[in-house]
């Protein structure tokens, strides 16, 4: 469906997309196509918002942001309907099955709903224009992003979600880069923490240098950025220890060098305290036994902590 000049999202056409007298299968198919078109329209409106700051007036930016916010709010409503339908289904998450839900009086599968967002590249487009949205729109954008991650398993769309992220590594990199920007660092950090619900994404984050990047941000003079970096790094390391522990053990020397750099006397007191807490959480977790044994075996690491106790 071609996107009209007015960037408002055409979610309301769902109400007219199904004929009550049509066979359920034909109606569901038509509603699914309409949903995909609406997701595409959302993606197009979001992508138009990205470059607007460079050439449009503040009034134009506000209008575009409002339109995108409207589309995101409607998308969240549809996703919540899918989750509500999944909650009433037996053995949700035990197998990949299509879950029926009612949209505009007809059935639409939760799997297709998630697929519509992914086919329209909505997560990537939202990240691209996050800095152009108003504060409330950013909050809803983050919620939509994290809800897609959260509900992909009960809605039977985990495989397609993982394939989507694998084919677009720039998404995780963009989120890591966004953690350094004062205007959107909180939103990007929250979306990164949402990614830790999936072991595959934790592996991708650790293999893409997220540990070193977040350690660097943890030492920032900006307290808010530093705190978000520590919280996100803790989540990446401890949320899925089954996959993070072997990677951290293999990269032990790099991890030890990075964490010890935050314990130096030139670091802010709060940074050092948070670094000690993170290190303690990792070393005391049984999954990181090999990391703990390697760390305590180094006399120079003990010296760092003894010197810290004197200050």
C-alpha atoms as a PDB file:
ATOM      1  CA  UNK A   1       0.000   0.000   0.000  1.00  0.00           C
ATOM      2  CA  UNK A   2       1.483   3.319  -0.996  1.00  0.00           C
ATOM      3  CA  UNK A   3       1.980   5.695   1.854  1.00  0.00           C
ATOM      4  CA  UNK A   4      -0.076   8.859   1.559  1.00  0.00           C
ATOM      5  CA  UNK A   5       1.196  12.365   2.099  1.00  0.00           C
ATOM      6  CA  UNK A   6      -0.384  12.367   5.535  1.00  0.00           C
ATOM      7  CA  UNK A   7       1.972  10.205   7.622  1.00  0.00           C
ATOM      8  CA  UNK A   8      -0.729   9.121  10.049  1.00  0.00           C
ATOM      9  CA  UNK A   9      -0.904   5.357  10.382  1.00  0.00           C
ATOM     10  CA  UNK A  10      -3.897   3.740   8.612  1.00  0.00           C
ATOM     11  CA  UNK A  11      -4.596   1.190  11.342  1.00  0.00           C
ATOM     12  CA  UNK A  12      -8.280   2.102  11.251  1.00  0.00           C
ATOM     13  CA  UNK A  13      -8.726   0.359   7.898  1.00  0.00           C
ATOM     14  CA  UNK A  14      -8.487  -2.930   9.758  1.00  0.00           C
ATOM     15  CA  UNK A  15     -12.010  -2.324  10.957  1.00  0.00           C
ATOM     16  CA  UNK A  16     -13.284  -2.503   7.380  1.00  0.00           C
ATOM     17  CA  UNK A  17     -10.934  -5.183   6.083  1.00  0.00           C
ATOM     18  CA  UNK A  18     -12.999  -8.238   6.946  1.00  0.00           C
ATOM     19  CA  UNK A  19     -16.505  -9.149   5.884  1.00  0.00           C
ATOM     20  CA  UNK A  20     -18.433 -10.957   8.592  1.00  0.00           C
ATOM     21  CA  UNK A  21     -19.918 -13.322   6.016  1.00  0.00           C
ATOM     22  CA  UNK A  22     -16.576 -14.347   4.497  1.00  0.00           C
ATOM     23  CA  UNK A  23     -15.047 -17.743   5.225  1.00  0.00           C
ATOM     24  CA  UNK A  24     -12.643 -17.490   8.227  1.00  0.00           C
ATOM     25  CA  UNK A  25      -9.566 -18.572   6.238  1.00  0.00           C
ATOM     26  CA  UNK A  26     -10.091 -16.025   3.460  1.00  0.00           C
ATOM     27  CA  UNK A  27     -10.876 -13.290   5.953  1.00  0.00           C
ATOM     28  CA  UNK A  28      -7.813 -14.054   8.076  1.00  0.00           C
ATOM     29  CA  UNK A  29      -5.615 -13.992   4.974  1.00  0.00           C
ATOM     30  CA  UNK A  30      -6.967 -10.619   3.875  1.00  0.00           C
ATOM     31  CA  UNK A  31      -6.604  -9.131   7.374  1.00  0.00           C
ATOM     32  CA  UNK A  32      -3.033 -10.444   7.549  1.00  0.00           C
ATOM     33  CA  UNK A  33      -2.219  -8.688   4.262  1.00  0.00           C
ATOM     34  CA  UNK A  34      -3.793  -5.494   5.559  1.00  0.00           C
ATOM     35  CA  UNK A  35      -1.745  -5.773   8.759  1.00  0.00           C
ATOM     36  CA  UNK A  36       1.436  -6.115   6.705  1.00  0.00           C
ATOM     37  CA  UNK A  37       0.485  -3.014   4.717  1.00  0.00           C
ATOM     38  CA  UNK A  38      -0.109  -1.074   7.904  1.00  0.00           C
ATOM     39  CA  UNK A  39       3.287  -2.154   9.267  1.00  0.00           C
ATOM     40  CA  UNK A  40       4.887  -1.020   6.022  1.00  0.00           C
ATOM     41  CA  UNK A  41       3.169   2.345   6.351  1.00  0.00           C
ATOM     42  CA  UNK A  42       4.480   2.633   9.916  1.00  0.00           C
ATOM     43  CA  UNK A  43       7.990   1.833   8.704  1.00  0.00           C
ATOM     44  CA  UNK A  44       7.771   4.417   5.922  1.00  0.00           C
ATOM     45  CA  UNK A  45       6.557   7.140   8.260  1.00  0.00           C
ATOM     46  CA  UNK A  46       9.329   6.355  10.736  1.00  0.00           C
ATOM     47  CA  UNK A  47      11.981   6.412   8.006  1.00  0.00           C
ATOM     48  CA  UNK A  48      10.719   9.802   6.830  1.00  0.00           C
ATOM     49  CA  UNK A  49      11.137  11.184  10.334  1.00  0.00           C
ATOM     50  CA  UNK A  50      14.872  10.381  10.459  1.00  0.00           C
ATOM     51  CA  UNK A  51      16.245  13.060   8.096  1.00  0.00           C
ATOM     52  CA  UNK A  52      13.671  15.671   8.954  1.00  0.00           C
ATOM     53  CA  UNK A  53      15.815  17.390  11.590  1.00  0.00           C
ATOM     54  CA  UNK A  54      18.302  18.441   8.936  1.00  0.00           C
ATOM     55  CA  UNK A  55      15.852  20.224   6.705  1.00  0.00           C
ATOM     56  CA  UNK A  56      12.491  20.787   8.363  1.00  0.00           C
ATOM     57  CA  UNK A  57      11.160  23.307  10.832  1.00  0.00           C
ATOM     58  CA  UNK A  58      10.455  22.391  14.412  1.00  0.00           C
ATOM     59  CA  UNK A  59       6.766  22.360  13.568  1.00  0.00           C
ATOM     60  CA  UNK A  60       7.339  19.816  10.826  1.00  0.00           C
ATOM     61  CA  UNK A  61       9.366  17.617  13.153  1.00  0.00           C
ATOM     62  CA  UNK A  62       6.655  17.767  15.768  1.00  0.00           C
ATOM     63  CA  UNK A  63       4.030  16.708  13.246  1.00  0.00           C
ATOM     64  CA  UNK A  64       6.080  13.796  11.974  1.00  0.00           C
ATOM     65  CA  UNK A  65       6.930  12.675  15.495  1.00  0.00           C
ATOM     66  CA  UNK A  66       3.267  12.799  16.474  1.00  0.00           C
ATOM     67  CA  UNK A  67       2.262  10.704  13.468  1.00  0.00           C
ATOM     68  CA  UNK A  68       4.907   8.085  14.209  1.00  0.00           C
ATOM     69  CA  UNK A  69       3.873   8.080  17.862  1.00  0.00           C
ATOM     70  CA  UNK A  70       0.291   7.382  16.810  1.00  0.00           C
ATOM     71  CA  UNK A  71       1.396   4.448  14.667  1.00  0.00           C
ATOM     72  CA  UNK A  72       3.566   3.013  17.423  1.00  0.00           C
ATOM     73  CA  UNK A  73       0.729   3.285  19.951  1.00  0.00           C
ATOM     74  CA  UNK A  74      -1.606   1.451  17.602  1.00  0.00           C
ATOM     75  CA  UNK A  75       1.021  -1.227  16.976  1.00  0.00           C
ATOM     76  CA  UNK A  76       1.414  -1.745  20.711  1.00  0.00           C
ATOM     77  CA  UNK A  77      -2.333  -2.190  21.056  1.00  0.00           C
ATOM     78  CA  UNK A  78      -2.372  -4.868  18.361  1.00  0.00           C
ATOM     79  CA  UNK A  79       0.563  -6.673  19.957  1.00  0.00           C
ATOM     80  CA  UNK A  80      -1.149  -6.651  23.345  1.00  0.00           C
ATOM     81  CA  UNK A  81      -4.220  -8.220  21.728  1.00  0.00           C
ATOM     82  CA  UNK A  82      -2.001 -10.989  20.370  1.00  0.00           C
ATOM     83  CA  UNK A  83      -0.467 -11.560  23.783  1.00  0.00           C
ATOM     84  CA  UNK A  84      -3.906 -11.679  25.372  1.00  0.00           C
ATOM     85  CA  UNK A  85      -4.947 -14.396  22.948  1.00  0.00           C
ATOM     86  CA  UNK A  86      -1.728 -16.328  23.564  1.00  0.00           C
ATOM     87  CA  UNK A  87      -2.274 -16.225  27.317  1.00  0.00           C
ATOM     88  CA  UNK A  88      -5.423 -18.283  26.908  1.00  0.00           C
ATOM     89  CA  UNK A  89      -3.758 -20.950  24.783  1.00  0.00           C
ATOM     90  CA  UNK A  90      -2.519 -24.174  26.374  1.00  0.00           C
ATOM     91  CA  UNK A  91       1.187 -25.002  26.257  1.00  0.00           C
ATOM     92  CA  UNK A  92       2.116 -21.604  24.873  1.00  0.00           C
ATOM     93  CA  UNK A  93       5.803 -21.609  24.000  1.00  0.00           C
ATOM     94  CA  UNK A  94       6.087 -25.398  24.002  1.00  0.00           C
ATOM     95  CA  UNK A  95       5.686 -25.534  20.251  1.00  0.00           C
ATOM     96  CA  UNK A  96       5.552 -23.127  17.361  1.00  0.00           C
ATOM     97  CA  UNK A  97       1.897 -22.955  16.538  1.00  0.00           C
ATOM     98  CA  UNK A  98      -0.226 -20.163  15.167  1.00  0.00           C
ATOM     99  CA  UNK A  99      -2.283 -18.502  17.863  1.00  0.00           C
ATOM    100  CA  UNK A 100      -5.649 -17.068  16.935  1.00  0.00           C
ATOM    101  CA  UNK A 101      -6.606 -13.573  18.004  1.00  0.00           C
ATOM    102  CA  UNK A 102      -9.455 -11.272  17.185  1.00  0.00           C
ATOM    103  CA  UNK A 103      -8.674  -8.102  15.214  1.00  0.00           C
ATOM    104  CA  UNK A 104     -11.610  -6.294  13.639  1.00  0.00           C
ATOM    105  CA  UNK A 105     -13.794  -9.284  14.422  1.00  0.00           C
ATOM    106  CA  UNK A 106     -11.659 -11.826  12.522  1.00  0.00           C
ATOM    107  CA  UNK A 107      -8.770 -14.186  13.314  1.00  0.00           C
ATOM    108  CA  UNK A 108      -5.171 -13.162  12.756  1.00  0.00           C
ATOM    109  CA  UNK A 109      -2.241 -15.270  13.927  1.00  0.00           C
ATOM    110  CA  UNK A 110       0.185 -13.845  16.460  1.00  0.00           C
ATOM    111  CA  UNK A 111       3.027 -15.258  14.421  1.00  0.00           C
ATOM    112  CA  UNK A 112       1.957 -13.250  11.396  1.00  0.00           C
ATOM    113  CA  UNK A 113       1.626 -10.157  13.540  1.00  0.00           C
ATOM    114  CA  UNK A 114       5.268 -10.337  14.616  1.00  0.00           C
ATOM    115  CA  UNK A 115       6.277 -11.232  11.053  1.00  0.00           C
ATOM    116  CA  UNK A 116       4.500  -8.138   9.764  1.00  0.00           C
ATOM    117  CA  UNK A 117       6.632  -5.920  11.983  1.00  0.00           C
ATOM    118  CA  UNK A 118       9.808  -7.695  10.911  1.00  0.00           C
ATOM    119  CA  UNK A 119       8.954  -7.714   7.200  1.00  0.00           C
ATOM    120  CA  UNK A 120       8.342  -3.969   7.367  1.00  0.00           C
ATOM    121  CA  UNK A 121      11.715  -3.525   9.158  1.00  0.00           C
ATOM    122  CA  UNK A 122       9.957  -1.585  11.912  1.00  0.00           C
ATOM    123  CA  UNK A 123      12.543  -2.278  14.706  1.00  0.00           C
ATOM    124  CA  UNK A 124      15.458  -1.004  12.606  1.00  0.00           C
ATOM    125  CA  UNK A 125      13.523   2.018  11.353  1.00  0.00           C
ATOM    126  CA  UNK A 126      12.475   2.998  14.871  1.00  0.00           C
ATOM    127  CA  UNK A 127      16.087   2.909  16.061  1.00  0.00           C
ATOM    128  CA  UNK A 128      17.163   5.005  13.070  1.00  0.00           C
ATOM    129  CA  UNK A 129      14.856   7.891  13.969  1.00  0.00           C
ATOM    130  CA  UNK A 130      14.763   7.485  17.762  1.00  0.00           C
ATOM    131  CA  UNK A 131      16.525  10.789  18.302  1.00  0.00           C
ATOM    132  CA  UNK A 132      13.937  12.621  16.199  1.00  0.00           C
ATOM    133  CA  UNK A 133      10.929  11.513  18.238  1.00  0.00           C
ATOM    134  CA  UNK A 134       9.395  13.354  21.162  1.00  0.00           C
ATOM    135  CA  UNK A 135       9.983  11.918  24.623  1.00  0.00           C
ATOM    136  CA  UNK A 136       6.624  10.137  24.889  1.00  0.00           C
ATOM    137  CA  UNK A 137       7.022   8.673  21.395  1.00  0.00           C
ATOM    138  CA  UNK A 138      10.469   7.382  22.359  1.00  0.00           C
ATOM    139  CA  UNK A 139       9.032   5.595  25.375  1.00  0.00           C
ATOM    140  CA  UNK A 140       6.402   3.874  23.266  1.00  0.00           C
ATOM    141  CA  UNK A 141       8.995   3.027  20.598  1.00  0.00           C
ATOM    142  CA  UNK A 142      11.148   1.340  23.231  1.00  0.00           C
ATOM    143  CA  UNK A 143       8.137  -0.506  24.549  1.00  0.00           C
ATOM    144  CA  UNK A 144       7.216  -1.758  21.078  1.00  0.00           C
ATOM    145  CA  UNK A 145      10.793  -2.907  20.442  1.00  0.00           C
ATOM    146  CA  UNK A 146      11.086  -4.745  23.759  1.00  0.00           C
ATOM    147  CA  UNK A 147       7.593  -6.246  23.514  1.00  0.00           C
ATOM    148  CA  UNK A 148       8.422  -7.731  20.117  1.00  0.00           C
ATOM    149  CA  UNK A 149      11.452  -9.364  21.738  1.00  0.00           C
ATOM    150  CA  UNK A 150       9.538 -10.414  24.824  1.00  0.00           C
ATOM    151  CA  UNK A 151       6.510 -11.940  23.133  1.00  0.00           C
ATOM    152  CA  UNK A 152       8.165 -13.573  20.135  1.00  0.00           C
ATOM    153  CA  UNK A 153       8.472 -16.885  22.000  1.00  0.00           C
ATOM    154  CA  UNK A 154       4.883 -17.211  23.290  1.00  0.00           C
ATOM    155  CA  UNK A 155       3.618 -16.037  19.898  1.00  0.00           C
ATOM    156  CA  UNK A 156       5.724 -18.657  18.113  1.00  0.00           C
ATOM    157  CA  UNK A 157       7.934 -16.215  16.218  1.00  0.00           C
ATOM    158  CA  UNK A 158      11.337 -16.723  17.845  1.00  0.00           C
ATOM    159  CA  UNK A 159      12.993 -18.281  14.801  1.00  0.00           C
ATOM    160  CA  UNK A 160      11.935 -15.494  12.478  1.00  0.00           C
ATOM    161  CA  UNK A 161      13.007 -12.903  15.067  1.00  0.00           C
ATOM    162  CA  UNK A 162      16.479 -14.437  15.395  1.00  0.00           C
ATOM    163  CA  UNK A 163      16.828 -14.630  11.610  1.00  0.00           C
ATOM    164  CA  UNK A 164      15.891 -10.959  11.429  1.00  0.00           C
ATOM    165  CA  UNK A 165      18.570  -9.877  13.912  1.00  0.00           C
ATOM    166  CA  UNK A 166      21.226 -12.129  12.393  1.00  0.00           C
ATOM    167  CA  UNK A 167      20.631 -10.540   8.990  1.00  0.00           C
ATOM    168  CA  UNK A 168      20.837  -7.031  10.502  1.00  0.00           C
ATOM    169  CA  UNK A 169      23.848  -6.832  12.861  1.00  0.00           C
ATOM    170  CA  UNK A 170      23.724  -3.054  12.508  1.00  0.00           C
ATOM    171  CA  UNK A 171      20.751  -3.010  14.913  1.00  0.00           C
ATOM    172  CA  UNK A 172      22.785  -4.126  17.922  1.00  0.00           C
ATOM    173  CA  UNK A 173      25.682  -1.897  16.913  1.00  0.00           C
ATOM    174  CA  UNK A 174      23.375   1.100  16.606  1.00  0.00           C
ATOM    175  CA  UNK A 175      22.010   0.448  20.076  1.00  0.00           C
ATOM    176  CA  UNK A 176      25.530   0.270  21.513  1.00  0.00           C
ATOM    177  CA  UNK A 177      26.435   3.526  19.781  1.00  0.00           C
ATOM    178  CA  UNK A 178      23.231   5.131  21.024  1.00  0.00           C
ATOM    179  CA  UNK A 179      24.224   4.443  24.633  1.00  0.00           C
ATOM    180  CA  UNK A 180      26.844   7.182  24.280  1.00  0.00           C
ATOM    181  CA  UNK A 181      24.352   9.899  23.255  1.00  0.00           C
ATOM    182  CA  UNK A 182      22.947  11.978  26.083  1.00  0.00           C
ATOM    183  CA  UNK A 183      19.479  12.267  24.524  1.00  0.00           C
ATOM    184  CA  UNK A 184      18.753   8.590  23.861  1.00  0.00           C
ATOM    185  CA  UNK A 185      21.209   6.588  25.991  1.00  0.00           C
ATOM    186  CA  UNK A 186      18.495   5.479  28.426  1.00  0.00           C
ATOM    187  CA  UNK A 187      16.240   4.215  25.646  1.00  0.00           C
ATOM    188  CA  UNK A 188      19.033   2.372  23.828  1.00  0.00           C
ATOM    189  CA  UNK A 189      20.220   0.771  27.063  1.00  0.00           C
ATOM    190  CA  UNK A 190      16.702  -0.443  27.819  1.00  0.00           C
ATOM    191  CA  UNK A 191      16.394  -1.977  24.362  1.00  0.00           C
ATOM    192  CA  UNK A 192      19.765  -3.694  24.769  1.00  0.00           C
ATOM    193  CA  UNK A 193      18.611  -5.186  28.051  1.00  0.00           C
ATOM    194  CA  UNK A 194      15.515  -6.410  26.266  1.00  0.00           C
ATOM    195  CA  UNK A 195      17.747  -8.297  23.845  1.00  0.00           C
ATOM    196  CA  UNK A 196      19.199 -10.345  26.716  1.00  0.00           C
ATOM    197  CA  UNK A 197      15.984 -12.382  26.870  1.00  0.00           C
ATOM    198  CA  UNK A 198      17.379 -14.390  23.949  1.00  0.00           C
ATOM    199  CA  UNK A 199      20.652 -16.361  24.312  1.00  0.00           C
ATOM    200  CA  UNK A 200      21.438 -15.926  20.612  1.00  0.00           C
ATOM    201  CA  UNK A 201      21.382 -12.141  20.976  1.00  0.00           C
ATOM    202  CA  UNK A 202      23.581 -12.289  24.077  1.00  0.00           C
ATOM    203  CA  UNK A 203      26.155 -14.230  22.055  1.00  0.00           C
ATOM    204  CA  UNK A 204      25.911 -11.689  19.249  1.00  0.00           C
ATOM    205  CA  UNK A 205      26.393  -8.801  21.687  1.00  0.00           C
ATOM    206  CA  UNK A 206      29.412 -10.363  23.390  1.00  0.00           C
ATOM    207  CA  UNK A 207      31.012 -11.249  20.060  1.00  0.00           C
ATOM    208  CA  UNK A 208      30.460  -7.732  18.719  1.00  0.00           C
ATOM    209  CA  UNK A 209      32.527  -6.020  21.409  1.00  0.00           C
ATOM    210  CA  UNK A 210      29.716  -4.912  23.700  1.00  0.00           C
ATOM    211  CA  UNK A 211      31.786  -5.620  26.818  1.00  0.00           C
ATOM    212  CA  UNK A 212      34.586  -3.216  25.906  1.00  0.00           C
ATOM    213  CA  UNK A 213      32.143  -0.574  24.627  1.00  0.00           C
ATOM    214  CA  UNK A 214      30.003  -0.643  27.761  1.00  0.00           C
ATOM    215  CA  UNK A 215      33.067  -0.707  30.024  1.00  0.00           C
ATOM    216  CA  UNK A 216      34.238   2.444  28.283  1.00  0.00           C
ATOM    217  CA  UNK A 217      30.867   4.100  28.847  1.00  0.00           C
ATOM    218  CA  UNK A 218      30.821   2.899  32.464  1.00  0.00           C
ATOM    219  CA  UNK A 219      33.806   5.141  33.120  1.00  0.00           C
ATOM    220  CA  UNK A 220      31.978   8.186  31.753  1.00  0.00           C
ATOM    221  CA  UNK A 221      31.852  11.395  33.784  1.00  0.00           C
ATOM    222  CA  UNK A 222      28.117  11.464  33.096  1.00  0.00           C
ATOM    223  CA  UNK A 223      26.540   9.627  36.038  1.00  0.00           C
ATOM    224  CA  UNK A 224      23.392   8.606  34.141  1.00  0.00           C
ATOM    225  CA  UNK A 225      25.316   7.159  31.193  1.00  0.00           C
ATOM    226  CA  UNK A 226      27.703   5.349  33.534  1.00  0.00           C
ATOM    227  CA  UNK A 227      24.868   3.831  35.566  1.00  0.00           C
ATOM    228  CA  UNK A 228      22.976   2.652  32.479  1.00  0.00           C
ATOM    229  CA  UNK A 229      26.168   1.135  31.069  1.00  0.00           C
ATOM    230  CA  UNK A 230      26.788  -0.844  34.275  1.00  0.00           C
ATOM    231  CA  UNK A 231      23.171  -2.028  34.438  1.00  0.00           C
ATOM    232  CA  UNK A 232      23.217  -3.123  30.797  1.00  0.00           C
ATOM    233  CA  UNK A 233      26.567  -4.888  31.084  1.00  0.00           C
ATOM    234  CA  UNK A 234      25.390  -6.737  34.198  1.00  0.00           C
ATOM    235  CA  UNK A 235      22.297  -7.904  32.329  1.00  0.00           C
ATOM    236  CA  UNK A 236      24.302  -9.066  29.305  1.00  0.00           C
ATOM    237  CA  UNK A 237      26.708 -11.056  31.459  1.00  0.00           C
ATOM    238  CA  UNK A 238      24.268 -12.554  33.973  1.00  0.00           C
ATOM    239  CA  UNK A 239      20.946 -12.958  32.164  1.00  0.00           C
ATOM    240  CA  UNK A 240      22.076 -15.935  30.079  1.00  0.00           C
ATOM    241  CA  UNK A 241      25.060 -17.380  31.943  1.00  0.00           C
ATOM    242  CA  UNK A 242      24.905 -20.592  29.958  1.00  0.00           C
ATOM    243  CA  UNK A 243      26.234 -18.761  26.896  1.00  0.00           C
ATOM    244  CA  UNK A 244      28.003 -15.773  28.465  1.00  0.00           C
ATOM    245  CA  UNK A 245      30.242 -17.732  30.865  1.00  0.00           C
ATOM    246  CA  UNK A 246      32.170 -19.679  28.167  1.00  0.00           C
ATOM    247  CA  UNK A 247      32.676 -16.498  26.117  1.00  0.00           C
ATOM    248  CA  UNK A 248      33.895 -14.530  29.148  1.00  0.00           C
ATOM    249  CA  UNK A 249      36.207 -17.382  30.119  1.00  0.00           C
ATOM    250  CA  UNK A 250      37.732 -17.403  26.634  1.00  0.00           C
ATOM    251  CA  UNK A 251      38.200 -13.621  26.734  1.00  0.00           C
ATOM    252  CA  UNK A 252      39.261 -13.514  30.385  1.00  0.00           C
ATOM    253  CA  UNK A 253      42.390 -11.402  29.926  1.00  0.00           C
ATOM    254  CA  UNK A 254      40.499  -8.693  28.065  1.00  0.00           C
ATOM    255  CA  UNK A 255      37.678  -8.691  30.639  1.00  0.00           C
ATOM    256  CA  UNK A 256      40.106  -8.502  33.574  1.00  0.00           C
ATOM    257  CA  UNK A 257      42.000  -5.620  31.962  1.00  0.00           C
ATOM    258  CA  UNK A 258      38.769  -3.695  31.336  1.00  0.00           C
ATOM    259  CA  UNK A 259      37.207  -4.210  34.765  1.00  0.00           C
ATOM    260  CA  UNK A 260      40.468  -3.428  36.570  1.00  0.00           C
ATOM    261  CA  UNK A 261      40.778  -0.188  34.602  1.00  0.00           C
ATOM    262  CA  UNK A 262      37.622   0.973  36.381  1.00  0.00           C
ATOM    263  CA  UNK A 263      39.178   0.303  39.797  1.00  0.00           C
ATOM    264  CA  UNK A 264      42.082   2.701  39.415  1.00  0.00           C
ATOM    265  CA  UNK A 265      42.580   5.674  41.772  1.00  0.00           C
ATOM    266  CA  UNK A 266      41.863   8.103  38.939  1.00  0.00           C
ATOM    267  CA  UNK A 267      38.285   6.831  38.637  1.00  0.00           C
ATOM    268  CA  UNK A 268      35.301   8.390  40.368  1.00  0.00           C
ATOM    269  CA  UNK A 269      34.314   6.746  43.655  1.00  0.00           C
ATOM    270  CA  UNK A 270      30.851   5.763  42.397  1.00  0.00           C
ATOM    271  CA  UNK A 271      32.345   4.172  39.273  1.00  0.00           C
ATOM    272  CA  UNK A 272      34.744   2.125  41.357  1.00  0.00           C
ATOM    273  CA  UNK A 273      31.961   0.973  43.686  1.00  0.00           C
ATOM    274  CA  UNK A 274      29.781  -0.131  40.775  1.00  0.00           C
ATOM    275  CA  UNK A 275      32.725  -1.878  39.120  1.00  0.00           C
ATOM    276  CA  UNK A 276      33.422  -3.799  42.339  1.00  0.00           C
ATOM    277  CA  UNK A 277      29.772  -4.796  42.574  1.00  0.00           C
ATOM    278  CA  UNK A 278      29.725  -6.024  38.967  1.00  0.00           C
ATOM    279  CA  UNK A 279      32.956  -7.952  39.463  1.00  0.00           C
ATOM    280  CA  UNK A 280      31.593  -9.520  42.654  1.00  0.00           C
ATOM    281  CA  UNK A 281      28.356 -10.560  40.942  1.00  0.00           C
ATOM    282  CA  UNK A 282      30.327 -12.265  38.180  1.00  0.00           C
ATOM    283  CA  UNK A 283      32.924 -14.007  40.352  1.00  0.00           C
ATOM    284  CA  UNK A 284      30.363 -15.285  42.865  1.00  0.00           C
ATOM    285  CA  UNK A 285      28.127 -16.805  40.193  1.00  0.00           C
ATOM    286  CA  UNK A 286      28.793 -20.539  39.881  1.00  0.00           C
ATOM    287  CA  UNK A 287      28.547 -20.377  36.114  1.00  0.00           C
ATOM    288  CA  UNK A 288      31.699 -18.203  36.097  1.00  0.00           C
ATOM    289  CA  UNK A 289      33.788 -20.560  38.237  1.00  0.00           C
ATOM    290  CA  UNK A 290      36.607 -20.703  35.692  1.00  0.00           C
ATOM    291  CA  UNK A 291      36.694 -16.914  35.495  1.00  0.00           C
ATOM    292  CA  UNK A 292      36.815 -16.676  39.288  1.00  0.00           C
ATOM    293  CA  UNK A 293      39.681 -19.164  39.568  1.00  0.00           C
ATOM    294  CA  UNK A 294      41.646 -17.357  36.870  1.00  0.00           C
ATOM    295  CA  UNK A 295      41.082 -13.990  38.538  1.00  0.00           C
ATOM    296  CA  UNK A 296      42.110 -14.951  42.069  1.00  0.00           C
ATOM    297  CA  UNK A 297      45.197 -16.711  40.726  1.00  0.00           C
ATOM    298  CA  UNK A 298      46.693 -13.363  39.658  1.00  0.00           C
ATOM    299  CA  UNK A 299      48.672 -11.671  42.444  1.00  0.00           C
ATOM    300  CA  UNK A 300      48.604  -8.339  40.601  1.00  0.00           C
ATOM    301  CA  UNK A 301      44.807  -8.326  40.721  1.00  0.00           C
ATOM    302  CA  UNK A 302      44.908  -8.852  44.484  1.00  0.00           C
ATOM    303  CA  UNK A 303      47.279  -5.897  44.738  1.00  0.00           C
ATOM    304  CA  UNK A 304      44.765  -3.679  42.935  1.00  0.00           C
ATOM    305  CA  UNK A 305      42.106  -4.528  45.508  1.00  0.00           C
ATOM    306  CA  UNK A 306      44.467  -4.112  48.459  1.00  0.00           C
ATOM    307  CA  UNK A 307      45.399  -0.645  47.222  1.00  0.00           C
ATOM    308  CA  UNK A 308      41.715   0.196  46.776  1.00  0.00           C
ATOM    309  CA  UNK A 309      41.050  -0.716  50.409  1.00  0.00           C
ATOM    310  CA  UNK A 310      43.667   1.784  51.561  1.00  0.00           C
ATOM    311  CA  UNK A 311      41.967   4.714  49.841  1.00  0.00           C
END
